[in-house]
Amino acid sequence: MRSKFIVLAFTGLFLAGCNTLGESALAGAGVGAVGAAAVGGNPVTGAAIGAVGGAYCYQTNNIC
């Protein structure tokens, strides 16, 4: 549980610095892949979820 919290906190800090939709999606994919691998998940699935999360974060500006 602790490692998941650390990954989520790092993701929020990392995505906060993105200026475009593409940067947010790409950064989210990278962090998602690394985060999934860190907790024993599938990096491809993590990258897909991270890319969608990064794009959503950029579009709404409510989360990041």
PDB file of N, CA and C in Angstrom:
ATOM      1  N   MET A   1       0.827  -1.194   0.000  1.00  0.00           N
ATOM      2  CA  MET A   1       0.000   0.000   0.000  1.00  0.00           C
ATOM      3  C   MET A   1       0.870   1.256   0.000  1.00  0.00           C
ATOM      4  N   ARG A   2       1.945   1.227   0.755  1.00  0.00           N
ATOM      5  CA  ARG A   2       2.801   2.404   0.844  1.00  0.00           C
ATOM      6  C   ARG A   2       3.456   2.718  -0.498  1.00  0.00           C
ATOM      7  N   SER A   3       3.880   1.681  -1.225  1.00  0.00           N
ATOM      8  CA  SER A   3       4.524   1.929  -2.513  1.00  0.00           C
ATOM      9  C   SER A   3       3.537   2.519  -3.513  1.00  0.00           C
ATOM     10  N   LYS A   4       2.274   2.124  -3.449  1.00  0.00           N
ATOM     11  CA  LYS A   4       1.269   2.696  -4.345  1.00  0.00           C
ATOM     12  C   LYS A   4       1.066   4.180  -4.050  1.00  0.00           C
ATOM     13  N   PHE A   5       1.071   4.547  -2.784  1.00  0.00           N
ATOM     14  CA  PHE A   5       0.913   5.950  -2.418  1.00  0.00           C
ATOM     15  C   PHE A   5       2.096   6.771  -2.919  1.00  0.00           C
ATOM     16  N   ILE A   6       3.288   6.238  -2.790  1.00  0.00           N
ATOM     17  CA  ILE A   6       4.477   6.952  -3.263  1.00  0.00           C
ATOM     18  C   ILE A   6       4.417   7.145  -4.768  1.00  0.00           C
ATOM     19  N   VAL A   7       4.000   6.125  -5.496  1.00  0.00           N
ATOM     20  CA  VAL A   7       3.882   6.227  -6.958  1.00  0.00           C
ATOM     21  C   VAL A   7       2.842   7.271  -7.336  1.00  0.00           C
ATOM     22  N   LEU A   8       1.715   7.287  -6.648  1.00  0.00           N
ATOM     23  CA  LEU A   8       0.681   8.277  -6.952  1.00  0.00           C
ATOM     24  C   LEU A   8       1.143   9.694  -6.627  1.00  0.00           C
ATOM     25  N   ALA A   9       1.827   9.870  -5.544  1.00  0.00           N
ATOM     26  CA  ALA A   9       2.330  11.199  -5.187  1.00  0.00           C
ATOM     27  C   ALA A   9       3.355  11.676  -6.212  1.00  0.00           C
ATOM     28  N   PHE A  10       4.244  10.796  -6.628  1.00  0.00           N
ATOM     29  CA  PHE A  10       5.241  11.144  -7.636  1.00  0.00           C
ATOM     30  C   PHE A  10       4.573  11.498  -8.962  1.00  0.00           C
ATOM     31  N   THR A  11       3.533  10.774  -9.322  1.00  0.00           N
ATOM     32  CA  THR A  11       2.815  11.047 -10.569  1.00  0.00           C
ATOM     33  C   THR A  11       2.207  12.441 -10.556  1.00  0.00           C
ATOM     34  N   GLY A  12       1.575  12.809  -9.460  1.00  0.00           N
ATOM     35  CA  GLY A  12       0.976  14.134  -9.371  1.00  0.00           C
ATOM     36  C   GLY A  12       2.006  15.242  -9.482  1.00  0.00           C
ATOM     37  N   LEU A  13       3.130  15.069  -8.817  1.00  0.00           N
ATOM     38  CA  LEU A  13       4.185  16.079  -8.904  1.00  0.00           C
ATOM     39  C   LEU A  13       4.785  16.152 -10.299  1.00  0.00           C
ATOM     40  N   PHE A  14       4.943  15.008 -10.939  1.00  0.00           N
ATOM     41  CA  PHE A  14       5.551  14.967 -12.260  1.00  0.00           C
ATOM     42  C   PHE A  14       4.637  15.587 -13.318  1.00  0.00           C
ATOM     43  N   LEU A  15       3.351  15.308 -13.245  1.00  0.00           N
ATOM     44  CA  LEU A  15       2.409  15.827 -14.245  1.00  0.00           C
ATOM     45  C   LEU A  15       2.118  17.309 -14.064  1.00  0.00           C
ATOM     46  N   ALA A  16       2.407  17.851 -12.930  1.00  0.00           N
ATOM     47  CA  ALA A  16       2.123  19.258 -12.682  1.00  0.00           C
ATOM     48  C   ALA A  16       2.968  20.179 -13.556  1.00  0.00           C
ATOM     49  N   GLY A  17       4.089  19.700 -14.061  1.00  0.00           N
ATOM     50  CA  GLY A  17       4.972  20.536 -14.863  1.00  0.00           C
ATOM     51  C   GLY A  17       4.735  20.466 -16.356  1.00  0.00           C
ATOM     52  N   CYS A  18       3.713  19.799 -16.814  1.00  0.00           N
ATOM     53  CA  CYS A  18       3.479  19.629 -18.253  1.00  0.00           C
ATOM     54  C   CYS A  18       2.727  20.829 -18.825  1.00  0.00           C
ATOM     55  N   ASN A  19       3.121  21.241 -20.042  1.00  0.00           N
ATOM     56  CA  ASN A  19       2.524  22.419 -20.662  1.00  0.00           C
ATOM     57  C   ASN A  19       1.538  22.102 -21.777  1.00  0.00           C
ATOM     58  N   THR A  20       1.636  20.929 -22.402  1.00  0.00           N
ATOM     59  CA  THR A  20       0.749  20.592 -23.509  1.00  0.00           C
ATOM     60  C   THR A  20       0.068  19.255 -23.245  1.00  0.00           C
ATOM     61  N   LEU A  21      -0.944  18.971 -24.038  1.00  0.00           N
ATOM     62  CA  LEU A  21      -1.657  17.702 -23.920  1.00  0.00           C
ATOM     63  C   LEU A  21      -0.722  16.533 -24.206  1.00  0.00           C
ATOM     64  N   GLY A  22       0.103  16.675 -25.244  1.00  0.00           N
ATOM     65  CA  GLY A  22       1.037  15.609 -25.585  1.00  0.00           C
ATOM     66  C   GLY A  22       2.044  15.334 -24.478  1.00  0.00           C
ATOM     67  N   GLU A  23       2.565  16.392 -23.877  1.00  0.00           N
ATOM     68  CA  GLU A  23       3.510  16.220 -22.767  1.00  0.00           C
ATOM     69  C   GLU A  23       2.841  15.523 -21.597  1.00  0.00           C
ATOM     70  N   SER A  24       1.620  15.916 -21.297  1.00  0.00           N
ATOM     71  CA  SER A  24       0.905  15.305 -20.178  1.00  0.00           C
ATOM     72  C   SER A  24       0.639  13.828 -20.427  1.00  0.00           C
ATOM     73  N   ALA A  25       0.203  13.489 -21.645  1.00  0.00           N
ATOM     74  CA  ALA A  25      -0.076  12.091 -21.974  1.00  0.00           C
ATOM     75  C   ALA A  25       1.205  11.268 -21.965  1.00  0.00           C
ATOM     76  N   LEU A  26       2.274  11.807 -22.535  1.00  0.00           N
ATOM     77  CA  LEU A  26       3.542  11.078 -22.571  1.00  0.00           C
ATOM     78  C   LEU A  26       4.131  10.902 -21.175  1.00  0.00           C
ATOM     79  N   ALA A  27       4.086  11.933 -20.382  1.00  0.00           N
ATOM     80  CA  ALA A  27       4.589  11.835 -19.012  1.00  0.00           C
ATOM     81  C   ALA A  27       3.753  10.853 -18.203  1.00  0.00           C
ATOM     82  N   GLY A  28       2.448  10.910 -18.398  1.00  0.00           N
ATOM     83  CA  GLY A  28       1.573   9.967 -17.695  1.00  0.00           C
ATOM     84  C   GLY A  28       1.853   8.533 -18.083  1.00  0.00           C
ATOM     85  N   ALA A  29       2.131   8.308 -19.367  1.00  0.00           N
ATOM     86  CA  ALA A  29       2.453   6.955 -19.829  1.00  0.00           C
ATOM     87  C   ALA A  29       3.752   6.465 -19.204  1.00  0.00           C
ATOM     88  N   GLY A  30       4.743   7.339 -19.156  1.00  0.00           N
ATOM     89  CA  GLY A  30       6.019   6.946 -18.555  1.00  0.00           C
ATOM     90  C   GLY A  30       5.898   6.640 -17.082  1.00  0.00           C
ATOM     91  N   VAL A  31       5.227   7.511 -16.373  1.00  0.00           N
ATOM     92  CA  VAL A  31       5.068   7.308 -14.935  1.00  0.00           C
ATOM     93  C   VAL A  31       4.177   6.094 -14.665  1.00  0.00           C
ATOM     94  N   GLY A  32       3.160   5.910 -15.507  1.00  0.00           N
ATOM     95  CA  GLY A  32       2.295   4.743 -15.339  1.00  0.00           C
ATOM     96  C   GLY A  32       3.034   3.433 -15.544  1.00  0.00           C
ATOM     97  N   ALA A  33       3.892   3.388 -16.553  1.00  0.00           N
ATOM     98  CA  ALA A  33       4.662   2.169 -16.816  1.00  0.00           C
ATOM     99  C   ALA A  33       5.636   1.876 -15.677  1.00  0.00           C
ATOM    100  N   VAL A  34       6.349   2.890 -15.234  1.00  0.00           N
ATOM    101  CA  VAL A  34       7.307   2.704 -14.135  1.00  0.00           C
ATOM    102  C   VAL A  34       6.574   2.351 -12.844  1.00  0.00           C
ATOM    103  N   GLY A  35       5.470   3.030 -12.593  1.00  0.00           N
ATOM    104  CA  GLY A  35       4.704   2.749 -11.384  1.00  0.00           C
ATOM    105  C   GLY A  35       4.132   1.345 -11.367  1.00  0.00           C
ATOM    106  N   ALA A  36       3.623   0.899 -12.512  1.00  0.00           N
ATOM    107  CA  ALA A  36       3.081  -0.461 -12.580  1.00  0.00           C
ATOM    108  C   ALA A  36       4.176  -1.495 -12.371  1.00  0.00           C
ATOM    109  N   ALA A  37       5.338  -1.251 -12.970  1.00  0.00           N
ATOM    110  CA  ALA A  37       6.446  -2.181 -12.786  1.00  0.00           C
ATOM    111  C   ALA A  37       6.912  -2.198 -11.330  1.00  0.00           C
ATOM    112  N   ALA A  38       6.866  -1.040 -10.679  1.00  0.00           N
ATOM    113  CA  ALA A  38       7.320  -0.945  -9.285  1.00  0.00           C
ATOM    114  C   ALA A  38       6.429  -1.724  -8.326  1.00  0.00           C
ATOM    115  N   VAL A  39       5.148  -1.808  -8.642  1.00  0.00           N
ATOM    116  CA  VAL A  39       4.235  -2.526  -7.751  1.00  0.00           C
ATOM    117  C   VAL A  39       3.893  -3.923  -8.262  1.00  0.00           C
ATOM    118  N   GLY A  40       4.614  -4.382  -9.291  1.00  0.00           N
ATOM    119  CA  GLY A  40       4.417  -5.736  -9.792  1.00  0.00           C
ATOM    120  C   GLY A  40       3.305  -5.887 -10.803  1.00  0.00           C
ATOM    121  N   GLY A  41       2.871  -4.797 -11.421  1.00  0.00           N
ATOM    122  CA  GLY A  41       1.817  -4.863 -12.418  1.00  0.00           C
ATOM    123  C   GLY A  41       2.367  -4.927 -13.832  1.00  0.00           C
ATOM    124  N   ASN A  42       1.482  -4.842 -14.805  1.00  0.00           N
ATOM    125  CA  ASN A  42       1.852  -4.877 -16.211  1.00  0.00           C
ATOM    126  C   ASN A  42       2.216  -3.467 -16.661  1.00  0.00           C
ATOM    127  N   PRO A  43       3.450  -3.234 -17.115  1.00  0.00           N
ATOM    128  CA  PRO A  43       3.863  -1.893 -17.527  1.00  0.00           C
ATOM    129  C   PRO A  43       3.079  -1.340 -18.721  1.00  0.00           C
ATOM    130  N   VAL A  44       2.643  -2.206 -19.630  1.00  0.00           N
ATOM    131  CA  VAL A  44       1.871  -1.735 -20.790  1.00  0.00           C
ATOM    132  C   VAL A  44       0.518  -1.208 -20.335  1.00  0.00           C
ATOM    133  N   THR A  45      -0.119  -1.919 -19.450  1.00  0.00           N
ATOM    134  CA  THR A  45      -1.395  -1.459 -18.903  1.00  0.00           C
ATOM    135  C   THR A  45      -1.194  -0.174 -18.103  1.00  0.00           C
ATOM    136  N   GLY A  46      -0.132  -0.119 -17.331  1.00  0.00           N
ATOM    137  CA  GLY A  46       0.171   1.089 -16.572  1.00  0.00           C
ATOM    138  C   GLY A  46       0.399   2.284 -17.469  1.00  0.00           C
ATOM    139  N   ALA A  47       1.094   2.064 -18.602  1.00  0.00           N
ATOM    140  CA  ALA A  47       1.343   3.150 -19.548  1.00  0.00           C
ATOM    141  C   ALA A  47       0.039   3.641 -20.169  1.00  0.00           C
ATOM    142  N   ALA A  48      -0.843   2.718 -20.511  1.00  0.00           N
ATOM    143  CA  ALA A  48      -2.122   3.110 -21.110  1.00  0.00           C
ATOM    144  C   ALA A  48      -2.965   3.908 -20.117  1.00  0.00           C
ATOM    145  N   ILE A  49      -3.049   3.428 -18.905  1.00  0.00           N
ATOM    146  CA  ILE A  49      -3.825   4.130 -17.887  1.00  0.00           C
ATOM    147  C   ILE A  49      -3.179   5.470 -17.550  1.00  0.00           C
ATOM    148  N   GLY A  50      -1.866   5.507 -17.482  1.00  0.00           N
ATOM    149  CA  GLY A  50      -1.159   6.747 -17.197  1.00  0.00           C
ATOM    150  C   GLY A  50      -1.338   7.792 -18.286  1.00  0.00           C
ATOM    151  N   ALA A  51      -1.338   7.359 -19.549  1.00  0.00           N
ATOM    152  CA  ALA A  51      -1.540   8.295 -20.657  1.00  0.00           C
ATOM    153  C   ALA A  51      -2.927   8.915 -20.608  1.00  0.00           C
ATOM    154  N   VAL A  52      -3.923   8.097 -20.349  1.00  0.00           N
ATOM    155  CA  VAL A  52      -5.295   8.615 -20.240  1.00  0.00           C
ATOM    156  C   VAL A  52      -5.411   9.543 -19.034  1.00  0.00           C
ATOM    157  N   GLY A  53      -4.799   9.159 -17.931  1.00  0.00           N
ATOM    158  CA  GLY A  53      -4.829  10.008 -16.732  1.00  0.00           C
ATOM    159  C   GLY A  53      -4.129  11.335 -16.960  1.00  0.00           C
ATOM    160  N   GLY A  54      -3.002  11.311 -17.651  1.00  0.00           N
ATOM    161  CA  GLY A  54      -2.279  12.545 -17.950  1.00  0.00           C
ATOM    162  C   GLY A  54      -3.074  13.468 -18.861  1.00  0.00           C
ATOM    163  N   ALA A  55      -3.713  12.883 -19.872  1.00  0.00           N
ATOM    164  CA  ALA A  55      -4.528  13.684 -20.787  1.00  0.00           C
ATOM    165  C   ALA A  55      -5.736  14.267 -20.055  1.00  0.00           C
ATOM    166  N   TYR A  56      -6.357  13.470 -19.207  1.00  0.00           N
ATOM    167  CA  TYR A  56      -7.505  13.958 -18.436  1.00  0.00           C
ATOM    168  C   TYR A  56      -7.093  15.081 -17.494  1.00  0.00           C
ATOM    169  N   CYS A  57      -5.955  14.900 -16.876  1.00  0.00           N
ATOM    170  CA  CYS A  57      -5.441  15.926 -15.953  1.00  0.00           C
ATOM    171  C   CYS A  57      -5.205  17.230 -16.697  1.00  0.00           C
ATOM    172  N   TYR A  58      -4.663  17.154 -17.891  1.00  0.00           N
ATOM    173  CA  TYR A  58      -4.400  18.366 -18.670  1.00  0.00           C
ATOM    174  C   TYR A  58      -5.705  19.031 -19.093  1.00  0.00           C
ATOM    175  N   GLN A  59      -6.686  18.240 -19.515  1.00  0.00           N
ATOM    176  CA  GLN A  59      -7.941  18.793 -20.020  1.00  0.00           C
ATOM    177  C   GLN A  59      -8.768  19.454 -18.928  1.00  0.00           C
ATOM    178  N   THR A  60      -8.768  18.882 -17.748  1.00  0.00           N
ATOM    179  CA  THR A  60      -9.645  19.420 -16.702  1.00  0.00           C
ATOM    180  C   THR A  60      -8.980  20.460 -15.825  1.00  0.00           C
ATOM    181  N   ASN A  61      -7.672  20.357 -15.635  1.00  0.00           N
ATOM    182  CA  ASN A  61      -6.922  21.249 -14.754  1.00  0.00           C
ATOM    183  C   ASN A  61      -7.469  21.271 -13.340  1.00  0.00           C
ATOM    184  N   ASN A  62      -8.264  20.285 -12.971  1.00  0.00           N
ATOM    185  CA  ASN A  62      -8.814  20.226 -11.628  1.00  0.00           C
ATOM    186  C   ASN A  62      -7.981  19.343 -10.705  1.00  0.00           C
ATOM    187  N   ILE A  63      -7.264  18.407 -11.258  1.00  0.00           N
ATOM    188  CA  ILE A  63      -6.542  17.426 -10.452  1.00  0.00           C
ATOM    189  C   ILE A  63      -5.112  17.892 -10.215  1.00  0.00           C
ATOM    190  N   CYS A  64      -4.435  18.315 -11.249  1.00  0.00           N
ATOM    191  CA  CYS A  64      -3.010  18.658 -11.154  1.00  0.00           C
ATOM    192  C   CYS A  64      -2.819  20.140 -11.075  1.00  0.00           C
TER     193      CYS A  64
END
